[in-house]
């Protein structure tokens, strides 16, 4: 894929992938959560860690879709306001395999006080039992990312190839111009019961080719450090990327607190407002 003067050119393979992803998102929205591609795979045990902050608009939907993938999922929450924190915690408490902890529990821990992508995930890893997770595959989860294929199958294939971590490609999901009024009405009702998969069903083709590290094998010597901007462990002996990329839908705009959206169709609380304004109108 290449970009010239603000326009994006797509290969046939790109268009095919986009069409499949759009179809999956539409099926989920039309038929309900049980139709999301479910990752039972080959029975390989997956563990997960998630660092979240003020994601109470999306966390319930994400857990309903994906919590069952994990033997254990550790969530470290940094939501500041009491109401939002309560919603995140309540959503997590519904699942026996989800371990919830708020950052305030580690207020004196330097990893929380100094905050980096690696240090906070180090705290989340500590919520899991070391002997259970060691040598297993760990997913670095985000509550605004919805997987489009079997994570377990990816892990099995990566194991066979000798790879130790997996990058993912993302397909951006943005509010569609045809759904502005419906979305605004849903937002007015508040975050409890809000289902982002049902409300935002169109993927915007932006030419975004970002790849993110999202799965790693927790082998001996692998350890999180202090590096910011790195989601998998900083110390990673034997690090080898898997040739096949994972794929997920990324709901880049996912906070709909007061003032986030106006009925005339502009998001005001996101650095992605320009992307919304330039991309959405052409996808009518």
C-alpha atoms as a PDB file:
ATOM      1  CA  UNK A   1       0.000   0.000   0.000  1.00  0.00           C
ATOM      2  CA  UNK A   2       1.326   3.443  -0.853  1.00  0.00           C
ATOM      3  CA  UNK A   3       0.141   6.979  -0.240  1.00  0.00           C
ATOM      4  CA  UNK A   4       0.338   9.838  -2.722  1.00  0.00           C
ATOM      5  CA  UNK A   5      -0.900  13.386  -2.088  1.00  0.00           C
ATOM      6  CA  UNK A   6      -3.340  12.362   0.627  1.00  0.00           C
ATOM      7  CA  UNK A   7      -4.896   9.475  -1.287  1.00  0.00           C
ATOM      8  CA  UNK A   8      -4.418   5.793  -0.538  1.00  0.00           C
ATOM      9  CA  UNK A   9      -3.863   3.058  -3.107  1.00  0.00           C
ATOM     10  CA  UNK A  10      -4.755  -0.502  -2.206  1.00  0.00           C
ATOM     11  CA  UNK A  11      -3.563  -3.813  -3.555  1.00  0.00           C
ATOM     12  CA  UNK A  12      -6.173  -6.468  -4.330  1.00  0.00           C
ATOM     13  CA  UNK A  13      -5.061  -8.350  -1.209  1.00  0.00           C
ATOM     14  CA  UNK A  14      -5.663  -5.246   0.926  1.00  0.00           C
ATOM     15  CA  UNK A  15      -9.170  -4.832  -0.419  1.00  0.00           C
ATOM     16  CA  UNK A  16      -9.939  -8.511   0.193  1.00  0.00           C
ATOM     17  CA  UNK A  17      -8.799  -8.297   3.825  1.00  0.00           C
ATOM     18  CA  UNK A  18     -10.796  -5.123   4.383  1.00  0.00           C
ATOM     19  CA  UNK A  19     -13.948  -6.679   2.892  1.00  0.00           C
ATOM     20  CA  UNK A  20     -13.642  -9.747   5.132  1.00  0.00           C
ATOM     21  CA  UNK A  21     -13.134  -7.595   8.220  1.00  0.00           C
ATOM     22  CA  UNK A  22     -16.071  -5.362   7.376  1.00  0.00           C
ATOM     23  CA  UNK A  23     -18.245  -8.432   6.943  1.00  0.00           C
ATOM     24  CA  UNK A  24     -17.186  -9.798  10.343  1.00  0.00           C
ATOM     25  CA  UNK A  25     -17.897  -6.514  12.091  1.00  0.00           C
ATOM     26  CA  UNK A  26     -21.306  -6.260  10.426  1.00  0.00           C
ATOM     27  CA  UNK A  27     -22.187  -9.866  11.380  1.00  0.00           C
ATOM     28  CA  UNK A  28     -21.327  -9.206  15.014  1.00  0.00           C
ATOM     29  CA  UNK A  29     -23.401  -6.034  15.105  1.00  0.00           C
ATOM     30  CA  UNK A  30     -26.390  -7.701  13.461  1.00  0.00           C
ATOM     31  CA  UNK A  31     -26.446 -11.009  15.279  1.00  0.00           C
ATOM     32  CA  UNK A  32     -24.955 -10.425  18.703  1.00  0.00           C
ATOM     33  CA  UNK A  33     -21.884 -11.258  20.700  1.00  0.00           C
ATOM     34  CA  UNK A  34     -22.070 -15.016  20.338  1.00  0.00           C
ATOM     35  CA  UNK A  35     -21.243 -14.644  16.642  1.00  0.00           C
ATOM     36  CA  UNK A  36     -17.866 -13.023  17.165  1.00  0.00           C
ATOM     37  CA  UNK A  37     -15.191 -15.451  15.924  1.00  0.00           C
ATOM     38  CA  UNK A  38     -14.399 -17.394  19.083  1.00  0.00           C
ATOM     39  CA  UNK A  39     -10.858 -18.462  19.853  1.00  0.00           C
ATOM     40  CA  UNK A  40     -11.064 -21.938  21.314  1.00  0.00           C
ATOM     41  CA  UNK A  41      -8.289 -23.048  18.945  1.00  0.00           C
ATOM     42  CA  UNK A  42      -6.206 -26.067  19.859  1.00  0.00           C
ATOM     43  CA  UNK A  43      -6.723 -25.757  23.578  1.00  0.00           C
ATOM     44  CA  UNK A  44      -3.409 -23.976  24.107  1.00  0.00           C
ATOM     45  CA  UNK A  45      -3.561 -21.993  27.378  1.00  0.00           C
ATOM     46  CA  UNK A  46      -3.470 -18.228  26.937  1.00  0.00           C
ATOM     47  CA  UNK A  47      -2.902 -15.678  29.663  1.00  0.00           C
ATOM     48  CA  UNK A  48      -3.599 -11.977  29.345  1.00  0.00           C
ATOM     49  CA  UNK A  49      -2.593  -8.655  30.832  1.00  0.00           C
ATOM     50  CA  UNK A  50      -4.383  -5.348  30.354  1.00  0.00           C
ATOM     51  CA  UNK A  51      -3.524  -1.840  31.508  1.00  0.00           C
ATOM     52  CA  UNK A  52      -6.620   0.328  31.309  1.00  0.00           C
ATOM     53  CA  UNK A  53      -7.635   3.856  32.245  1.00  0.00           C
ATOM     54  CA  UNK A  54     -11.106   5.375  31.953  1.00  0.00           C
ATOM     55  CA  UNK A  55     -12.195   2.709  29.479  1.00  0.00           C
ATOM     56  CA  UNK A  56     -15.615   2.182  31.057  1.00  0.00           C
ATOM     57  CA  UNK A  57     -17.392   2.802  27.739  1.00  0.00           C
ATOM     58  CA  UNK A  58     -15.828  -0.309  26.157  1.00  0.00           C
ATOM     59  CA  UNK A  59     -14.570  -2.669  28.877  1.00  0.00           C
ATOM     60  CA  UNK A  60     -17.854  -4.558  29.356  1.00  0.00           C
ATOM     61  CA  UNK A  61     -18.237  -5.277  25.646  1.00  0.00           C
ATOM     62  CA  UNK A  62     -14.621  -6.369  25.364  1.00  0.00           C
ATOM     63  CA  UNK A  63     -14.890  -8.775  28.283  1.00  0.00           C
ATOM     64  CA  UNK A  64     -18.135 -10.248  26.963  1.00  0.00           C
ATOM     65  CA  UNK A  65     -16.374 -11.026  23.692  1.00  0.00           C
ATOM     66  CA  UNK A  66     -12.909 -12.015  24.860  1.00  0.00           C
ATOM     67  CA  UNK A  67     -12.647 -12.877  28.582  1.00  0.00           C
ATOM     68  CA  UNK A  68     -13.275 -16.550  27.853  1.00  0.00           C
ATOM     69  CA  UNK A  69     -10.074 -16.751  25.800  1.00  0.00           C
ATOM     70  CA  UNK A  70      -7.863 -16.694  28.865  1.00  0.00           C
ATOM     71  CA  UNK A  71      -7.001 -19.047  31.666  1.00  0.00           C
ATOM     72  CA  UNK A  72      -6.364 -15.865  33.617  1.00  0.00           C
ATOM     73  CA  UNK A  73      -6.582 -12.216  32.603  1.00  0.00           C
ATOM     74  CA  UNK A  74      -4.971  -9.591  34.853  1.00  0.00           C
ATOM     75  CA  UNK A  75      -6.336  -6.049  34.574  1.00  0.00           C
ATOM     76  CA  UNK A  76      -4.556  -3.076  36.136  1.00  0.00           C
ATOM     77  CA  UNK A  77      -6.934  -0.115  36.177  1.00  0.00           C
ATOM     78  CA  UNK A  78      -5.839   3.494  36.494  1.00  0.00           C
ATOM     79  CA  UNK A  79      -9.281   5.121  36.244  1.00  0.00           C
ATOM     80  CA  UNK A  80      -9.251   8.198  38.457  1.00  0.00           C
ATOM     81  CA  UNK A  81     -12.897   9.096  39.072  1.00  0.00           C
ATOM     82  CA  UNK A  82     -14.821   6.924  41.516  1.00  0.00           C
ATOM     83  CA  UNK A  83     -17.819   6.317  39.271  1.00  0.00           C
ATOM     84  CA  UNK A  84     -15.736   5.211  36.288  1.00  0.00           C
ATOM     85  CA  UNK A  85     -13.549   3.018  38.464  1.00  0.00           C
ATOM     86  CA  UNK A  86     -16.655   1.360  39.873  1.00  0.00           C
ATOM     87  CA  UNK A  87     -17.947   0.534  36.402  1.00  0.00           C
ATOM     88  CA  UNK A  88     -14.652  -1.010  35.327  1.00  0.00           C
ATOM     89  CA  UNK A  89     -14.355  -3.060  38.511  1.00  0.00           C
ATOM     90  CA  UNK A  90     -17.978  -4.237  38.314  1.00  0.00           C
ATOM     91  CA  UNK A  91     -17.446  -5.402  34.733  1.00  0.00           C
ATOM     92  CA  UNK A  92     -14.339  -7.365  35.745  1.00  0.00           C
ATOM     93  CA  UNK A  93     -15.957  -8.974  38.809  1.00  0.00           C
ATOM     94  CA  UNK A  94     -18.413 -10.821  36.564  1.00  0.00           C
ATOM     95  CA  UNK A  95     -15.643 -13.182  35.412  1.00  0.00           C
ATOM     96  CA  UNK A  96     -13.946 -15.715  37.663  1.00  0.00           C
ATOM     97  CA  UNK A  97     -10.838 -15.792  35.481  1.00  0.00           C
ATOM     98  CA  UNK A  98     -10.365 -12.000  35.533  1.00  0.00           C
ATOM     99  CA  UNK A  99      -8.102 -10.527  38.210  1.00  0.00           C
ATOM    100  CA  UNK A 100      -8.821  -6.836  38.850  1.00  0.00           C
ATOM    101  CA  UNK A 101      -6.563  -4.411  40.667  1.00  0.00           C
ATOM    102  CA  UNK A 102      -6.528  -0.627  40.830  1.00  0.00           C
ATOM    103  CA  UNK A 103      -3.288   1.347  40.626  1.00  0.00           C
ATOM    104  CA  UNK A 104      -3.992   2.822  44.061  1.00  0.00           C
ATOM    105  CA  UNK A 105      -3.190  -0.600  45.534  1.00  0.00           C
ATOM    106  CA  UNK A 106       0.399  -0.025  44.365  1.00  0.00           C
ATOM    107  CA  UNK A 107       0.625   3.677  45.211  1.00  0.00           C
ATOM    108  CA  UNK A 108       4.118   3.307  46.703  1.00  0.00           C
ATOM    109  CA  UNK A 109       5.446   1.149  43.876  1.00  0.00           C
ATOM    110  CA  UNK A 110       7.942   3.016  41.684  1.00  0.00           C
ATOM    111  CA  UNK A 111       6.598   1.218  38.622  1.00  0.00           C
ATOM    112  CA  UNK A 112       3.244   2.920  39.140  1.00  0.00           C
ATOM    113  CA  UNK A 113       4.569   6.259  40.369  1.00  0.00           C
ATOM    114  CA  UNK A 114       6.829   6.707  37.326  1.00  0.00           C
ATOM    115  CA  UNK A 115       4.441   5.026  34.870  1.00  0.00           C
ATOM    116  CA  UNK A 116       5.669   3.656  31.571  1.00  0.00           C
ATOM    117  CA  UNK A 117       4.142   1.146  29.178  1.00  0.00           C
ATOM    118  CA  UNK A 118       6.577  -1.502  30.358  1.00  0.00           C
ATOM    119  CA  UNK A 119       6.525  -0.732  34.083  1.00  0.00           C
ATOM    120  CA  UNK A 120       2.726  -0.802  34.382  1.00  0.00           C
ATOM    121  CA  UNK A 121       2.543  -4.095  32.526  1.00  0.00           C
ATOM    122  CA  UNK A 122       5.147  -5.436  34.915  1.00  0.00           C
ATOM    123  CA  UNK A 123       2.688  -4.766  37.736  1.00  0.00           C
ATOM    124  CA  UNK A 124      -0.096  -6.476  35.786  1.00  0.00           C
ATOM    125  CA  UNK A 125       2.133  -9.527  35.263  1.00  0.00           C
ATOM    126  CA  UNK A 126       2.693  -9.731  39.006  1.00  0.00           C
ATOM    127  CA  UNK A 127      -1.042 -10.318  39.433  1.00  0.00           C
ATOM    128  CA  UNK A 128      -0.616 -13.647  37.668  1.00  0.00           C
ATOM    129  CA  UNK A 129       1.037 -16.678  39.263  1.00  0.00           C
ATOM    130  CA  UNK A 130       4.610 -16.949  37.993  1.00  0.00           C
ATOM    131  CA  UNK A 131       4.749 -20.750  37.896  1.00  0.00           C
ATOM    132  CA  UNK A 132       1.524 -20.915  35.884  1.00  0.00           C
ATOM    133  CA  UNK A 133       2.456 -18.326  33.272  1.00  0.00           C
ATOM    134  CA  UNK A 134       6.115 -19.142  32.694  1.00  0.00           C
ATOM    135  CA  UNK A 135       6.629 -20.711  29.217  1.00  0.00           C
ATOM    136  CA  UNK A 136       3.039 -19.785  28.248  1.00  0.00           C
ATOM    137  CA  UNK A 137       1.754 -17.318  25.660  1.00  0.00           C
ATOM    138  CA  UNK A 138       0.639 -13.956  27.040  1.00  0.00           C
ATOM    139  CA  UNK A 139      -1.650 -11.524  25.224  1.00  0.00           C
ATOM    140  CA  UNK A 140      -1.106  -7.797  25.757  1.00  0.00           C
ATOM    141  CA  UNK A 141      -4.776  -6.859  25.652  1.00  0.00           C
ATOM    142  CA  UNK A 142      -6.409  -3.471  25.068  1.00  0.00           C
ATOM    143  CA  UNK A 143     -10.131  -2.900  25.682  1.00  0.00           C
ATOM    144  CA  UNK A 144     -10.617  -1.103  22.357  1.00  0.00           C
ATOM    145  CA  UNK A 145      -9.124  -3.901  20.230  1.00  0.00           C
ATOM    146  CA  UNK A 146     -11.307  -6.790  19.037  1.00  0.00           C
ATOM    147  CA  UNK A 147      -9.627  -9.841  17.550  1.00  0.00           C
ATOM    148  CA  UNK A 148     -10.587 -11.216  14.162  1.00  0.00           C
ATOM    149  CA  UNK A 149      -9.026 -14.654  14.312  1.00  0.00           C
ATOM    150  CA  UNK A 150      -8.032 -17.391  16.732  1.00  0.00           C
ATOM    151  CA  UNK A 151      -5.304 -16.257  19.097  1.00  0.00           C
ATOM    152  CA  UNK A 152      -4.758 -19.843  20.192  1.00  0.00           C
ATOM    153  CA  UNK A 153      -4.191 -20.961  16.612  1.00  0.00           C
ATOM    154  CA  UNK A 154      -1.704 -18.127  16.136  1.00  0.00           C
ATOM    155  CA  UNK A 155       0.171 -19.234  19.248  1.00  0.00           C
ATOM    156  CA  UNK A 156       0.287 -22.857  18.067  1.00  0.00           C
ATOM    157  CA  UNK A 157       1.608 -21.843  14.656  1.00  0.00           C
ATOM    158  CA  UNK A 158       4.171 -19.516  16.241  1.00  0.00           C
ATOM    159  CA  UNK A 159       5.355 -22.335  18.508  1.00  0.00           C
ATOM    160  CA  UNK A 160       5.864 -24.614  15.521  1.00  0.00           C
ATOM    161  CA  UNK A 161       7.975 -21.970  13.792  1.00  0.00           C
ATOM    162  CA  UNK A 162      10.083 -21.271  16.876  1.00  0.00           C
ATOM    163  CA  UNK A 163       8.805 -17.680  17.121  1.00  0.00           C
ATOM    164  CA  UNK A 164       8.425 -16.020  20.519  1.00  0.00           C
ATOM    165  CA  UNK A 165       6.285 -12.949  19.814  1.00  0.00           C
ATOM    166  CA  UNK A 166       3.541 -11.878  17.394  1.00  0.00           C
ATOM    167  CA  UNK A 167       2.757  -8.532  15.824  1.00  0.00           C
ATOM    168  CA  UNK A 168      -0.791  -7.509  14.895  1.00  0.00           C
ATOM    169  CA  UNK A 169      -2.151  -5.316  12.123  1.00  0.00           C
ATOM    170  CA  UNK A 170      -5.087  -3.070  12.875  1.00  0.00           C
ATOM    171  CA  UNK A 171      -8.194  -2.086  10.998  1.00  0.00           C
ATOM    172  CA  UNK A 172      -9.528   1.203  12.343  1.00  0.00           C
ATOM    173  CA  UNK A 173     -13.204   1.415  13.234  1.00  0.00           C
ATOM    174  CA  UNK A 174     -14.604   4.926  13.319  1.00  0.00           C
ATOM    175  CA  UNK A 175     -18.110   6.379  13.751  1.00  0.00           C
ATOM    176  CA  UNK A 176     -19.911   6.327  10.419  1.00  0.00           C
ATOM    177  CA  UNK A 177     -21.693   9.409   9.138  1.00  0.00           C
ATOM    178  CA  UNK A 178     -24.940   7.488   8.645  1.00  0.00           C
ATOM    179  CA  UNK A 179     -25.071   6.585  12.361  1.00  0.00           C
ATOM    180  CA  UNK A 180     -24.458  10.003  13.948  1.00  0.00           C
ATOM    181  CA  UNK A 181     -27.924  10.465  15.420  1.00  0.00           C
ATOM    182  CA  UNK A 182     -28.247   6.873  16.635  1.00  0.00           C
ATOM    183  CA  UNK A 183     -24.790   6.971  18.180  1.00  0.00           C
ATOM    184  CA  UNK A 184     -25.481  10.295  19.877  1.00  0.00           C
ATOM    185  CA  UNK A 185     -28.703   8.883  21.381  1.00  0.00           C
ATOM    186  CA  UNK A 186     -26.840   5.836  22.717  1.00  0.00           C
ATOM    187  CA  UNK A 187     -24.167   8.057  24.214  1.00  0.00           C
ATOM    188  CA  UNK A 188     -26.765  10.156  25.998  1.00  0.00           C
ATOM    189  CA  UNK A 189     -27.921   6.996  27.816  1.00  0.00           C
ATOM    190  CA  UNK A 190     -24.424   6.634  29.304  1.00  0.00           C
ATOM    191  CA  UNK A 191     -21.653   4.018  29.372  1.00  0.00           C
ATOM    192  CA  UNK A 192     -23.535   1.284  31.240  1.00  0.00           C
ATOM    193  CA  UNK A 193     -25.014  -1.004  28.617  1.00  0.00           C
ATOM    194  CA  UNK A 194     -23.177   0.749  25.786  1.00  0.00           C
ATOM    195  CA  UNK A 195     -21.985  -1.763  23.170  1.00  0.00           C
ATOM    196  CA  UNK A 196     -19.362  -0.265  20.887  1.00  0.00           C
ATOM    197  CA  UNK A 197     -19.515  -3.197  18.456  1.00  0.00           C
ATOM    198  CA  UNK A 198     -23.200  -2.560  17.837  1.00  0.00           C
ATOM    199  CA  UNK A 199     -22.883   1.219  17.719  1.00  0.00           C
ATOM    200  CA  UNK A 200     -19.842   1.529  15.487  1.00  0.00           C
ATOM    201  CA  UNK A 201     -20.158  -0.977  12.665  1.00  0.00           C
ATOM    202  CA  UNK A 202     -18.182   0.648   9.868  1.00  0.00           C
ATOM    203  CA  UNK A 203     -14.434   0.433   9.391  1.00  0.00           C
ATOM    204  CA  UNK A 204     -12.752   3.450   7.865  1.00  0.00           C
ATOM    205  CA  UNK A 205      -9.988   2.719   5.389  1.00  0.00           C
ATOM    206  CA  UNK A 206      -7.236   5.144   6.324  1.00  0.00           C
ATOM    207  CA  UNK A 207      -4.118   3.548   4.953  1.00  0.00           C
ATOM    208  CA  UNK A 208      -2.963   2.869   8.518  1.00  0.00           C
ATOM    209  CA  UNK A 209      -0.304   0.169   8.346  1.00  0.00           C
ATOM    210  CA  UNK A 210       0.754   0.298  11.987  1.00  0.00           C
ATOM    211  CA  UNK A 211       1.824  -3.032  13.460  1.00  0.00           C
ATOM    212  CA  UNK A 212       1.759  -3.581  17.214  1.00  0.00           C
ATOM    213  CA  UNK A 213       3.351  -6.236  19.438  1.00  0.00           C
ATOM    214  CA  UNK A 214       0.421  -8.012  21.074  1.00  0.00           C
ATOM    215  CA  UNK A 215       1.488 -11.577  22.035  1.00  0.00           C
ATOM    216  CA  UNK A 216       4.667 -12.969  23.539  1.00  0.00           C
ATOM    217  CA  UNK A 217       5.938 -16.187  25.049  1.00  0.00           C
ATOM    218  CA  UNK A 218       6.924 -15.739  28.695  1.00  0.00           C
ATOM    219  CA  UNK A 219      10.182 -17.649  28.582  1.00  0.00           C
ATOM    220  CA  UNK A 220      13.017 -17.695  31.086  1.00  0.00           C
ATOM    221  CA  UNK A 221      14.772 -14.330  31.198  1.00  0.00           C
ATOM    222  CA  UNK A 222      11.872 -12.431  29.651  1.00  0.00           C
ATOM    223  CA  UNK A 223      11.140  -9.432  31.862  1.00  0.00           C
ATOM    224  CA  UNK A 224       9.385  -6.087  31.716  1.00  0.00           C
ATOM    225  CA  UNK A 225      11.488  -2.989  32.364  1.00  0.00           C
ATOM    226  CA  UNK A 226      10.983   0.776  32.176  1.00  0.00           C
ATOM    227  CA  UNK A 227      10.819   1.520  28.475  1.00  0.00           C
ATOM    228  CA  UNK A 228       7.838   3.574  27.344  1.00  0.00           C
ATOM    229  CA  UNK A 229       6.236   2.898  23.972  1.00  0.00           C
ATOM    230  CA  UNK A 230       7.008  -0.824  24.183  1.00  0.00           C
ATOM    231  CA  UNK A 231       4.144  -3.152  25.066  1.00  0.00           C
ATOM    232  CA  UNK A 232       5.972  -6.487  25.279  1.00  0.00           C
ATOM    233  CA  UNK A 233       8.819  -7.080  27.764  1.00  0.00           C
ATOM    234  CA  UNK A 234      11.900  -4.914  27.329  1.00  0.00           C
ATOM    235  CA  UNK A 235      14.278  -7.724  28.257  1.00  0.00           C
ATOM    236  CA  UNK A 236      13.636 -10.506  25.794  1.00  0.00           C
ATOM    237  CA  UNK A 237      16.413 -13.062  25.160  1.00  0.00           C
ATOM    238  CA  UNK A 238      15.680 -15.297  22.194  1.00  0.00           C
ATOM    239  CA  UNK A 239      13.247 -12.768  20.728  1.00  0.00           C
ATOM    240  CA  UNK A 240      11.963 -13.947  17.339  1.00  0.00           C
ATOM    241  CA  UNK A 241       9.033 -12.468  15.437  1.00  0.00           C
ATOM    242  CA  UNK A 242       6.369 -14.749  13.952  1.00  0.00           C
ATOM    243  CA  UNK A 243       6.094 -14.314  10.175  1.00  0.00           C
ATOM    244  CA  UNK A 244       2.287 -14.183  10.214  1.00  0.00           C
ATOM    245  CA  UNK A 245       0.590 -11.086  11.606  1.00  0.00           C
ATOM    246  CA  UNK A 246      -2.507 -11.123  13.775  1.00  0.00           C
ATOM    247  CA  UNK A 247      -5.442  -8.870  12.919  1.00  0.00           C
ATOM    248  CA  UNK A 248      -7.830  -6.838  15.055  1.00  0.00           C
ATOM    249  CA  UNK A 249     -10.398  -4.084  14.752  1.00  0.00           C
ATOM    250  CA  UNK A 250      -9.293  -1.019  16.688  1.00  0.00           C
ATOM    251  CA  UNK A 251     -12.000   1.338  17.928  1.00  0.00           C
ATOM    252  CA  UNK A 252      -9.712   4.342  18.014  1.00  0.00           C
ATOM    253  CA  UNK A 253     -12.389   6.691  19.339  1.00  0.00           C
ATOM    254  CA  UNK A 254     -13.883   4.969  22.361  1.00  0.00           C
ATOM    255  CA  UNK A 255     -14.437   7.604  25.027  1.00  0.00           C
ATOM    256  CA  UNK A 256     -17.835   9.253  24.743  1.00  0.00           C
ATOM    257  CA  UNK A 257     -17.987  11.323  27.906  1.00  0.00           C
ATOM    258  CA  UNK A 258     -19.846  14.627  27.884  1.00  0.00           C
ATOM    259  CA  UNK A 259     -18.562  16.883  25.131  1.00  0.00           C
ATOM    260  CA  UNK A 260     -16.988  14.058  23.146  1.00  0.00           C
ATOM    261  CA  UNK A 261     -19.476  14.177  20.310  1.00  0.00           C
ATOM    262  CA  UNK A 262     -21.902  16.779  19.049  1.00  0.00           C
ATOM    263  CA  UNK A 263     -24.972  15.911  17.010  1.00  0.00           C
ATOM    264  CA  UNK A 264     -23.544  17.793  14.039  1.00  0.00           C
ATOM    265  CA  UNK A 265     -20.882  15.105  13.893  1.00  0.00           C
ATOM    266  CA  UNK A 266     -17.547  16.211  15.279  1.00  0.00           C
ATOM    267  CA  UNK A 267     -15.514  14.583  18.050  1.00  0.00           C
ATOM    268  CA  UNK A 268     -13.781  17.180  20.179  1.00  0.00           C
ATOM    269  CA  UNK A 269     -11.866  15.176  22.779  1.00  0.00           C
ATOM    270  CA  UNK A 270      -9.639  13.139  20.514  1.00  0.00           C
ATOM    271  CA  UNK A 271      -6.469  13.732  18.575  1.00  0.00           C
ATOM    272  CA  UNK A 272      -8.180  11.653  15.901  1.00  0.00           C
ATOM    273  CA  UNK A 273     -10.867  14.262  15.252  1.00  0.00           C
ATOM    274  CA  UNK A 274      -9.096  15.243  12.027  1.00  0.00           C
ATOM    275  CA  UNK A 275      -9.160  11.629  10.873  1.00  0.00           C
ATOM    276  CA  UNK A 276     -12.862  11.449  11.696  1.00  0.00           C
ATOM    277  CA  UNK A 277     -13.692  14.621   9.800  1.00  0.00           C
ATOM    278  CA  UNK A 278     -11.662  13.712   6.714  1.00  0.00           C
ATOM    279  CA  UNK A 279     -12.428  10.013   6.488  1.00  0.00           C
ATOM    280  CA  UNK A 280     -16.003   9.436   7.618  1.00  0.00           C
ATOM    281  CA  UNK A 281     -17.899  11.614   5.116  1.00  0.00           C
ATOM    282  CA  UNK A 282     -16.454   9.729   2.128  1.00  0.00           C
ATOM    283  CA  UNK A 283     -17.642   6.393   3.505  1.00  0.00           C
ATOM    284  CA  UNK A 284     -21.358   7.028   3.228  1.00  0.00           C
END
